[in-house]
Amino acid sequence: MTATLPRRAFLGARLPPDDDAFTADGVAVAAVVAGGMAAEAGVIAGDRLVALSGAPLTTPARLAAALRGAGAGRDAEVAYRRSDAVHRRVVPVRPWPREALPGQQVEHGVLAVPGARLRTIVTVPDDGEPPAAAVLLIQGLACASIEADGDGGPALAALAAGWAGAGLMTMRLDRRGVGDSDGGACGDVDFTTEVADHRAALAALAADPRAAGAPLLVFGHSVGGMIAALLAAERDLDGVIVAGTSAVPWLACVEASARRQLALRGVAAAEADARAAAVRARALSDGLHGRSATYHRQLDAIALPSAWAATRARRLLVLRGEHDWVIGDDDVDALVAVVPAGVPVARHVVAGVDHLLGRHADRAASLRDYGSGRFDPAIVGTTLAWLVGSPP
């Protein structure tokens, strides 16, 4: 891995959820971060970003591409709308801030795969001691960066930071079209290609001399747990940790998840069944959650029970949040049931946590504020206790 991939630009604008943020007129701004290009251009909360260096900002994929494009230059024009007027300001390009962790080397590298260069973020203890383990983290379905930002970033970045502080070596991978990674729009990437990219990342981590002799593990969140199952069926691993994942066929999982969440919100059973079936149909026709219909079809074709039954992992930790309404206890039961009898399986419910590993005070808050919970550091302690308490 060599650091030859340009750093994307740091716009420094906080956005509302995708459904509220992006329209044909641009992207709404919920807040502005000091030191970013948006602040330099005079953008304030309530404005709508129209374009960056002439590239329209009408979808998440177009915004990601515009940031990568701007990152290769010295200056960029920020166009934004306030009331009925469009303002244009040329500002210096500022690169996305690099992660820094006390006591760690944080390396922003490049993994070359067919048709793409993918950003890797590797943490290694800088005390010269061998890492306690080497872990590849695989995120869920969303086309969003796995890298930390100025506000803490995604849960898996916080998890990697917690593990790094305990002496683990970690690797994260930004999928195609996300963050600094090129290779086309994330929403156009199929599931088979995504699995191949993570297979290459695991091979790169295993081949890193600094990981030599360290237990090799994979952590997978949600769909990332399904990818972890496929990787663990292909090569020997010291362990696999999954959170919020299932072993039932993908579209059956999607439909059951929709039905469960609708029921929790008081929707009558017959209507919930009809709406859940419509979600499944939409995934197959138009795609869902930013991923294409091809992606969903390929994922649904995977025999997940067979993958788990063929696992070559020496042990397994299965996590589910107390307020995870995307999967249920039945999903965990189905997964555990197909793991070979000789593979020790630990299962743990993380109190107060939702599917995205964010903490909420109670069930009502988890339903009302899904996606806004803060990462619970208790997950770090739970996973480390499993890693250290019963070493492979």
Protein backbone atom coordinates (compact mmCIF):
# COMPACT_ATOMS: atom_id res chain seq x y z
CA MET A 1 0.00 0.00 0.00
CA THR A 2 1.38 3.38 -0.99
CA ALA A 3 -0.01 6.83 -0.22
CA THR A 4 -0.68 8.00 -3.80
CA LEU A 5 -4.41 8.64 -3.56
CA PRO A 6 -5.33 12.36 -3.39
CA ARG A 7 -7.00 13.55 -0.22
CA ARG A 8 -10.57 14.75 -0.72
CA ALA A 9 -11.47 18.35 0.07
CA PHE A 10 -12.82 19.34 3.49
CA LEU A 11 -15.97 21.33 2.91
CA GLY A 12 -16.85 21.51 6.60
CA ALA A 13 -20.65 21.53 6.26
CA ARG A 14 -22.90 19.43 8.47
CA LEU A 15 -25.91 18.06 6.60
CA PRO A 16 -29.34 16.86 7.72
CA PRO A 17 -30.29 13.25 6.86
CA ASP A 18 -30.04 12.41 3.15
CA ASP A 19 -33.81 12.47 2.60
CA ASP A 20 -33.90 16.07 3.82
CA ALA A 21 -30.51 17.25 2.59
CA PHE A 22 -30.44 16.65 -1.16
CA THR A 23 -32.75 18.11 -3.79
CA ALA A 24 -32.44 19.20 -7.39
CA ASP A 25 -31.52 22.67 -6.03
CA GLY A 26 -28.50 21.44 -4.04
CA VAL A 27 -27.77 20.29 -0.51
CA ALA A 28 -29.06 21.85 2.70
CA VAL A 29 -26.59 22.98 5.37
CA ALA A 30 -27.48 22.25 9.00
CA ALA A 31 -24.26 23.67 10.48
CA VAL A 32 -20.82 24.88 9.42
CA VAL A 33 -17.50 23.69 10.88
CA ALA A 34 -14.85 26.28 11.64
CA GLY A 35 -11.78 25.86 9.45
CA GLY A 36 -13.63 24.31 6.52
CA MET A 37 -14.06 25.63 3.01
CA ALA A 38 -17.74 26.38 3.56
CA ALA A 39 -16.93 28.72 6.45
CA GLU A 40 -14.22 30.38 4.34
CA ALA A 41 -16.80 30.98 1.60
CA GLY A 42 -19.26 32.58 4.04
CA VAL A 43 -21.78 29.72 4.16
CA ILE A 44 -24.05 29.62 7.22
CA ALA A 45 -26.66 27.19 8.55
CA GLY A 46 -29.82 27.35 6.44
CA ASP A 47 -27.99 27.98 3.17
CA ARG A 48 -28.10 25.46 0.34
CA LEU A 49 -24.86 24.42 -1.37
CA VAL A 50 -25.39 24.43 -5.12
CA ALA A 51 -22.04 23.44 -6.63
CA LEU A 52 -18.36 22.87 -5.92
CA SER A 53 -16.00 23.87 -8.73
CA GLY A 54 -18.96 23.71 -11.08
CA ALA A 55 -20.05 20.20 -10.06
CA PRO A 56 -23.72 20.14 -8.94
CA LEU A 57 -24.34 18.83 -5.41
CA THR A 58 -27.71 17.13 -5.87
CA THR A 59 -26.99 13.64 -4.50
CA PRO A 60 -24.61 12.08 -1.96
CA ALA A 61 -22.67 10.45 -4.80
CA ARG A 62 -22.24 13.77 -6.62
CA LEU A 63 -21.09 15.46 -3.42
CA ALA A 64 -18.53 12.71 -2.79
CA ALA A 65 -17.24 12.96 -6.37
CA ALA A 66 -17.05 16.75 -6.16
CA LEU A 67 -14.99 16.60 -2.96
CA ARG A 68 -12.56 14.14 -4.56
CA GLY A 69 -12.30 16.30 -7.65
CA ALA A 70 -11.70 19.48 -5.68
CA GLY A 71 -9.10 17.73 -3.55
CA ALA A 72 -6.79 17.47 -6.54
CA GLY A 73 -6.63 21.26 -7.00
CA ARG A 74 -5.42 24.34 -5.12
CA ASP A 75 -8.61 26.44 -5.22
CA ALA A 76 -12.29 25.68 -5.62
CA GLU A 77 -15.41 27.72 -6.22
CA VAL A 78 -18.14 27.23 -3.61
CA ALA A 79 -21.59 28.19 -4.90
CA TYR A 80 -24.45 28.45 -2.42
CA ARG A 81 -27.98 29.81 -2.30
CA ARG A 82 -29.28 32.11 0.44
CA SER A 83 -32.90 33.16 0.03
CA ASP A 84 -33.20 33.81 -3.71
CA ALA A 85 -29.58 34.79 -4.37
CA VAL A 86 -26.71 32.50 -5.41
CA HIS A 87 -23.29 33.47 -4.05
CA ARG A 88 -20.00 32.23 -5.50
CA ARG A 89 -16.69 32.35 -3.66
CA VAL A 90 -13.30 30.93 -4.66
CA VAL A 91 -11.47 29.58 -1.62
CA PRO A 92 -8.28 27.58 -1.03
CA VAL A 93 -8.80 23.82 -1.01
CA ARG A 94 -8.38 22.34 2.43
CA PRO A 95 -7.73 18.60 2.66
CA TRP A 96 -9.87 16.37 4.83
CA PRO A 97 -8.21 16.20 8.28
CA ARG A 98 -6.18 13.07 8.95
CA GLU A 99 -7.00 10.99 11.97
CA ALA A 100 -4.54 11.15 14.86
CA LEU A 101 -4.66 8.90 17.94
CA PRO A 102 -2.37 9.24 20.98
CA GLY A 103 0.22 6.48 21.08
CA GLN A 104 -0.67 5.23 17.61
CA GLN A 105 0.63 5.42 14.10
CA VAL A 106 -2.40 6.20 11.92
CA GLU A 107 -1.56 5.47 8.30
CA HIS A 108 -3.71 6.61 5.38
CA GLY A 109 -2.73 4.21 2.63
CA VAL A 110 -4.03 2.92 -0.69
CA LEU A 111 -5.20 -0.53 -1.65
CA ALA A 112 -5.10 -1.06 -5.41
CA VAL A 113 -7.83 -3.41 -6.67
CA PRO A 114 -9.10 -4.00 -10.22
CA GLY A 115 -10.71 -0.78 -11.36
CA ALA A 116 -10.17 1.25 -8.20
CA ARG A 117 -7.84 2.68 -5.57
CA LEU A 118 -9.30 2.38 -2.10
CA ARG A 119 -8.38 4.40 0.97
CA THR A 120 -7.19 2.34 3.91
CA ILE A 121 -6.85 3.61 7.48
CA VAL A 122 -4.49 1.47 9.56
CA THR A 123 -3.66 1.95 13.23
CA VAL A 124 -0.54 0.41 14.77
CA PRO A 125 0.79 0.91 18.31
CA ASP A 126 3.86 3.14 18.13
CA ASP A 127 5.56 1.63 21.20
CA GLY A 128 7.23 -1.04 19.07
CA GLU A 129 5.36 -3.84 20.83
CA PRO A 130 3.60 -6.50 18.72
CA PRO A 131 -0.14 -5.81 18.41
CA ALA A 132 -2.43 -7.83 20.64
CA ALA A 133 -4.49 -8.66 17.53
CA ALA A 134 -4.99 -7.46 13.96
CA VAL A 135 -8.61 -6.68 13.05
CA LEU A 136 -10.29 -5.74 9.77
CA LEU A 137 -13.44 -3.68 10.36
CA ILE A 138 -16.21 -3.95 7.75
CA GLN A 139 -19.05 -1.43 7.85
CA GLY A 140 -22.70 -1.90 7.01
CA LEU A 141 -24.73 -1.00 3.93
CA ALA A 142 -24.41 2.79 3.81
CA CYS A 143 -22.32 4.58 1.19
CA ALA A 144 -20.60 6.65 3.88
CA SER A 145 -16.98 6.98 4.93
CA ILE A 146 -15.67 4.76 7.71
CA GLU A 147 -13.15 7.47 8.61
CA ALA A 148 -13.49 9.78 11.60
CA ASP A 149 -14.39 13.43 11.07
CA GLY A 150 -14.25 16.50 13.25
CA ASP A 151 -17.40 15.43 15.09
CA GLY A 152 -16.21 11.91 15.91
CA GLY A 153 -17.46 10.27 12.76
CA PRO A 154 -19.03 6.84 12.41
CA ALA A 155 -19.25 4.28 15.20
CA LEU A 156 -16.66 2.00 13.62
CA ALA A 157 -14.07 4.80 13.71
CA ALA A 158 -14.71 5.16 17.44
CA LEU A 159 -14.50 1.39 17.87
CA ALA A 160 -11.18 1.29 16.00
CA ALA A 161 -9.86 4.11 18.20
CA GLY A 162 -10.86 2.22 21.35
CA TRP A 163 -9.19 -0.95 20.17
CA ALA A 164 -6.08 0.93 19.10
CA GLY A 165 -5.74 2.33 22.61
CA ALA A 166 -5.68 -1.25 23.90
CA GLY A 167 -2.80 -2.24 21.63
CA LEU A 168 -4.68 -3.75 18.67
CA MET A 169 -3.75 -3.18 15.03
CA THR A 170 -6.80 -2.23 12.98
CA MET A 171 -7.62 -1.68 9.33
CA ARG A 172 -10.61 0.11 7.83
CA LEU A 173 -11.46 0.46 4.15
CA ASP A 174 -13.50 3.15 2.43
CA ARG A 175 -15.51 1.41 -0.27
CA ARG A 176 -15.51 2.55 -3.90
CA GLY A 177 -16.80 6.07 -4.49
CA VAL A 178 -16.68 6.95 -0.79
CA GLY A 179 -14.25 9.28 0.98
CA ASP A 180 -10.97 9.35 -0.94
CA SER A 181 -11.63 6.04 -2.74
CA ASP A 182 -12.23 6.18 -6.50
CA GLY A 183 -13.74 3.49 -8.73
CA GLY A 184 -17.11 5.03 -9.62
CA ALA A 185 -20.20 5.79 -7.58
CA CYS A 186 -20.73 3.61 -4.52
CA GLY A 187 -24.37 3.06 -5.42
CA ASP A 188 -23.33 1.44 -8.72
CA VAL A 189 -20.99 -1.11 -7.10
CA ASP A 190 -22.38 -4.63 -6.89
CA PHE A 191 -22.12 -6.92 -3.88
CA THR A 192 -19.69 -9.35 -5.53
CA THR A 193 -17.22 -6.55 -6.19
CA GLU A 194 -17.55 -5.25 -2.65
CA VAL A 195 -16.78 -8.67 -1.20
CA ALA A 196 -13.72 -8.95 -3.45
CA ASP A 197 -12.47 -5.56 -2.24
CA HIS A 198 -12.71 -6.63 1.41
CA ARG A 199 -11.09 -9.96 0.59
CA ALA A 200 -8.14 -7.99 -0.79
CA ALA A 201 -8.06 -5.81 2.32
CA LEU A 202 -7.97 -8.84 4.62
CA ALA A 203 -5.14 -10.33 2.57
CA ALA A 204 -3.21 -7.06 2.82
CA LEU A 205 -3.67 -6.93 6.60
CA ALA A 206 -2.59 -10.55 7.00
CA ALA A 207 0.51 -9.92 4.86
CA ASP A 208 1.58 -6.81 6.81
CA PRO A 209 4.81 -7.73 8.67
CA ARG A 210 3.59 -5.85 11.73
CA ALA A 211 0.66 -8.26 12.03
CA ALA A 212 2.90 -11.31 11.91
CA GLY A 213 2.09 -13.65 14.78
CA ALA A 214 -0.88 -11.60 15.97
CA PRO A 215 -4.37 -13.14 16.07
CA LEU A 216 -6.20 -12.21 12.84
CA LEU A 217 -9.87 -11.26 13.22
CA VAL A 218 -12.69 -9.65 11.27
CA PHE A 219 -15.38 -7.37 12.71
CA GLY A 220 -18.52 -6.92 10.62
CA HIS A 221 -21.42 -4.59 11.28
CA SER A 222 -24.83 -5.38 9.74
CA VAL A 223 -24.21 -6.28 6.07
CA GLY A 224 -20.51 -6.16 6.97
CA GLY A 225 -21.21 -9.17 9.19
CA MET A 226 -22.50 -11.04 6.15
CA ILE A 227 -19.30 -10.19 4.29
CA ALA A 228 -17.35 -11.36 7.35
CA ALA A 229 -19.16 -14.72 7.16
CA LEU A 230 -18.06 -15.16 3.54
CA LEU A 231 -14.45 -14.26 4.32
CA ALA A 232 -14.38 -16.58 7.34
CA ALA A 233 -15.53 -19.46 5.14
CA GLU A 234 -12.54 -18.91 2.85
CA ARG A 235 -9.58 -18.63 5.23
CA ASP A 236 -8.51 -19.44 8.77
CA LEU A 237 -9.24 -16.65 11.25
CA ASP A 238 -8.64 -16.46 14.97
CA GLY A 239 -12.06 -14.96 15.44
CA VAL A 240 -15.03 -13.07 14.03
CA ILE A 241 -17.10 -10.40 15.78
CA VAL A 242 -20.41 -9.37 14.27
CA ALA A 243 -22.91 -6.75 15.40
CA GLY A 244 -26.47 -6.33 14.15
CA THR A 245 -26.24 -9.04 11.52
CA SER A 246 -28.34 -12.01 10.41
CA ALA A 247 -27.97 -15.39 8.76
CA VAL A 248 -31.38 -15.44 7.07
CA PRO A 249 -31.68 -14.65 3.33
CA TRP A 250 -31.13 -10.94 2.75
CA LEU A 251 -34.50 -9.91 1.36
CA ALA A 252 -36.33 -11.94 3.99
CA CYS A 253 -34.26 -10.02 6.55
CA VAL A 254 -35.16 -6.70 4.89
CA GLU A 255 -38.87 -7.53 4.86
CA ALA A 256 -38.89 -8.78 8.46
CA SER A 257 -36.98 -5.69 9.57
CA ALA A 258 -39.49 -3.34 7.93
CA ARG A 259 -42.41 -5.26 9.44
CA ARG A 260 -40.84 -5.18 12.91
CA GLN A 261 -40.21 -1.44 12.84
CA LEU A 262 -43.68 -0.65 11.52
CA ALA A 263 -45.25 -2.75 14.26
CA LEU A 264 -43.23 -0.93 16.91
CA ARG A 265 -44.61 2.33 15.54
CA GLY A 266 -48.17 1.09 15.93
CA VAL A 267 -48.94 0.17 12.32
CA ALA A 268 -51.61 -2.53 12.04
CA ALA A 269 -50.37 -6.00 11.03
CA ALA A 270 -52.07 -6.13 7.63
CA GLU A 271 -50.73 -2.71 6.62
CA ALA A 272 -47.27 -3.55 7.99
CA ASP A 273 -47.21 -6.74 5.90
CA ALA A 274 -48.16 -4.84 2.75
CA ARG A 275 -45.63 -2.07 3.31
CA ALA A 276 -42.86 -4.54 4.14
CA ALA A 277 -43.56 -6.48 0.95
CA ALA A 278 -43.38 -3.19 -0.97
CA VAL A 279 -39.94 -2.50 0.51
CA ARG A 280 -38.76 -5.90 -0.70
CA ALA A 281 -40.18 -5.26 -4.18
CA ARG A 282 -38.52 -1.84 -4.35
CA ALA A 283 -35.14 -3.36 -3.46
CA LEU A 284 -35.46 -5.73 -6.42
CA SER A 285 -36.73 -3.16 -8.91
CA ASP A 286 -35.17 0.21 -8.08
CA GLY A 287 -32.67 -0.57 -5.33
CA LEU A 288 -32.82 0.50 -1.69
CA HIS A 289 -30.79 2.47 0.85
CA GLY A 290 -28.51 3.85 -1.86
CA ARG A 291 -27.58 0.42 -3.26
CA SER A 292 -28.63 -0.93 -6.63
CA ALA A 293 -31.12 -3.68 -7.40
CA THR A 294 -28.19 -5.78 -8.63
CA TYR A 295 -26.47 -5.38 -5.26
CA HIS A 296 -29.60 -6.57 -3.43
CA ARG A 297 -30.15 -9.50 -5.80
CA GLN A 298 -26.57 -10.69 -5.43
CA LEU A 299 -26.67 -10.39 -1.65
CA ASP A 300 -29.99 -12.24 -1.51
CA ALA A 301 -28.49 -15.08 -3.56
CA ILE A 302 -25.78 -15.70 -0.96
CA ALA A 303 -26.36 -18.85 1.12
CA LEU A 304 -25.53 -17.23 4.45
CA PRO A 305 -26.35 -20.29 6.59
CA SER A 306 -23.94 -22.35 4.47
CA ALA A 307 -21.24 -19.70 4.89
CA TRP A 308 -21.59 -19.72 8.66
CA ALA A 309 -21.71 -23.53 8.69
CA ALA A 310 -18.41 -23.57 6.80
CA THR A 311 -16.69 -20.99 8.99
CA ARG A 312 -12.98 -21.37 9.56
CA ALA A 313 -13.00 -18.89 12.41
CA ARG A 314 -11.86 -20.38 15.71
CA ARG A 315 -14.46 -18.47 17.72
CA LEU A 316 -17.31 -16.03 17.31
CA LEU A 317 -18.79 -13.10 19.22
CA VAL A 318 -22.32 -12.04 18.23
CA LEU A 319 -23.50 -8.60 19.42
CA ARG A 320 -26.98 -7.15 19.23
CA GLY A 321 -28.10 -3.80 20.60
CA GLU A 322 -30.99 -3.77 23.05
CA HIS A 323 -32.75 -1.22 20.82
CA ASP A 324 -31.75 -2.76 17.49
CA TRP A 325 -35.04 -2.91 15.62
CA VAL A 326 -33.38 -3.71 12.29
CA ILE A 327 -32.64 -7.28 13.39
CA GLY A 328 -34.21 -9.31 16.17
CA ASP A 329 -33.26 -12.06 18.58
CA ASP A 330 -34.56 -14.53 16.00
CA ASP A 331 -31.86 -13.37 13.57
CA VAL A 332 -29.19 -14.05 16.19
CA ASP A 333 -30.75 -17.42 16.98
CA ALA A 334 -30.64 -18.39 13.30
CA LEU A 335 -27.00 -17.40 13.03
CA VAL A 336 -25.87 -19.22 16.16
CA ALA A 337 -27.81 -22.34 15.18
CA VAL A 338 -25.77 -22.97 12.03
CA VAL A 339 -22.27 -22.37 13.44
CA PRO A 340 -20.38 -25.69 13.79
CA ALA A 341 -20.61 -27.23 17.24
CA GLY A 342 -16.85 -27.06 17.71
CA VAL A 343 -16.72 -23.26 17.31
CA PRO A 344 -17.30 -21.44 20.63
CA VAL A 345 -19.99 -18.75 20.23
CA ALA A 346 -20.54 -15.93 22.71
CA ARG A 347 -23.58 -13.69 22.34
CA HIS A 348 -24.12 -10.40 24.09
CA VAL A 349 -26.89 -7.79 24.18
CA VAL A 350 -25.48 -4.27 24.47
CA ALA A 351 -27.76 -2.28 26.76
CA GLY A 352 -29.35 0.87 25.35
CA VAL A 353 -27.76 0.58 21.89
CA ASP A 354 -29.48 0.71 18.49
CA HIS A 355 -28.55 -0.88 15.17
CA LEU A 356 -26.01 1.86 14.43
CA LEU A 357 -24.31 1.28 17.81
CA GLY A 358 -25.65 4.56 19.16
CA ARG A 359 -26.96 4.79 22.72
CA HIS A 360 -30.51 5.87 23.64
CA ALA A 361 -32.23 6.32 27.00
CA ASP A 362 -35.14 4.02 26.20
CA ARG A 363 -37.09 2.32 23.43
CA ALA A 364 -39.15 5.40 22.62
CA ALA A 365 -36.02 7.49 22.18
CA SER A 366 -34.43 4.83 19.97
CA LEU A 367 -37.43 4.88 17.65
CA ARG A 368 -37.73 8.67 17.66
CA ASP A 369 -34.03 9.50 17.35
CA TYR A 370 -32.65 6.62 15.28
CA GLY A 371 -29.29 7.55 13.81
CA SER A 372 -28.54 10.32 16.30
CA GLY A 373 -27.34 8.24 19.24
CA ARG A 374 -23.72 8.59 20.35
CA PHE A 375 -21.35 5.63 20.18
CA ASP A 376 -21.29 3.70 23.47
CA PRO A 377 -17.71 2.99 24.64
CA ALA A 378 -19.07 -0.02 26.53
CA ILE A 379 -18.86 -1.87 23.20
CA VAL A 380 -15.08 -1.46 23.31
CA GLY A 381 -14.91 -2.99 26.77
CA THR A 382 -17.23 -5.86 25.84
CA THR A 383 -15.23 -6.82 22.78
CA LEU A 384 -11.87 -6.45 24.51
CA ALA A 385 -13.06 -8.65 27.38
CA TRP A 386 -13.88 -11.35 24.84
CA LEU A 387 -10.58 -10.90 23.03
CA VAL A 388 -8.37 -10.82 26.09
CA GLY A 389 -10.42 -12.93 28.47
CA SER A 390 -10.37 -16.04 26.28
CA PRO A 391 -7.47 -15.70 23.86
CA PRO A 392 -7.52 -17.96 20.79
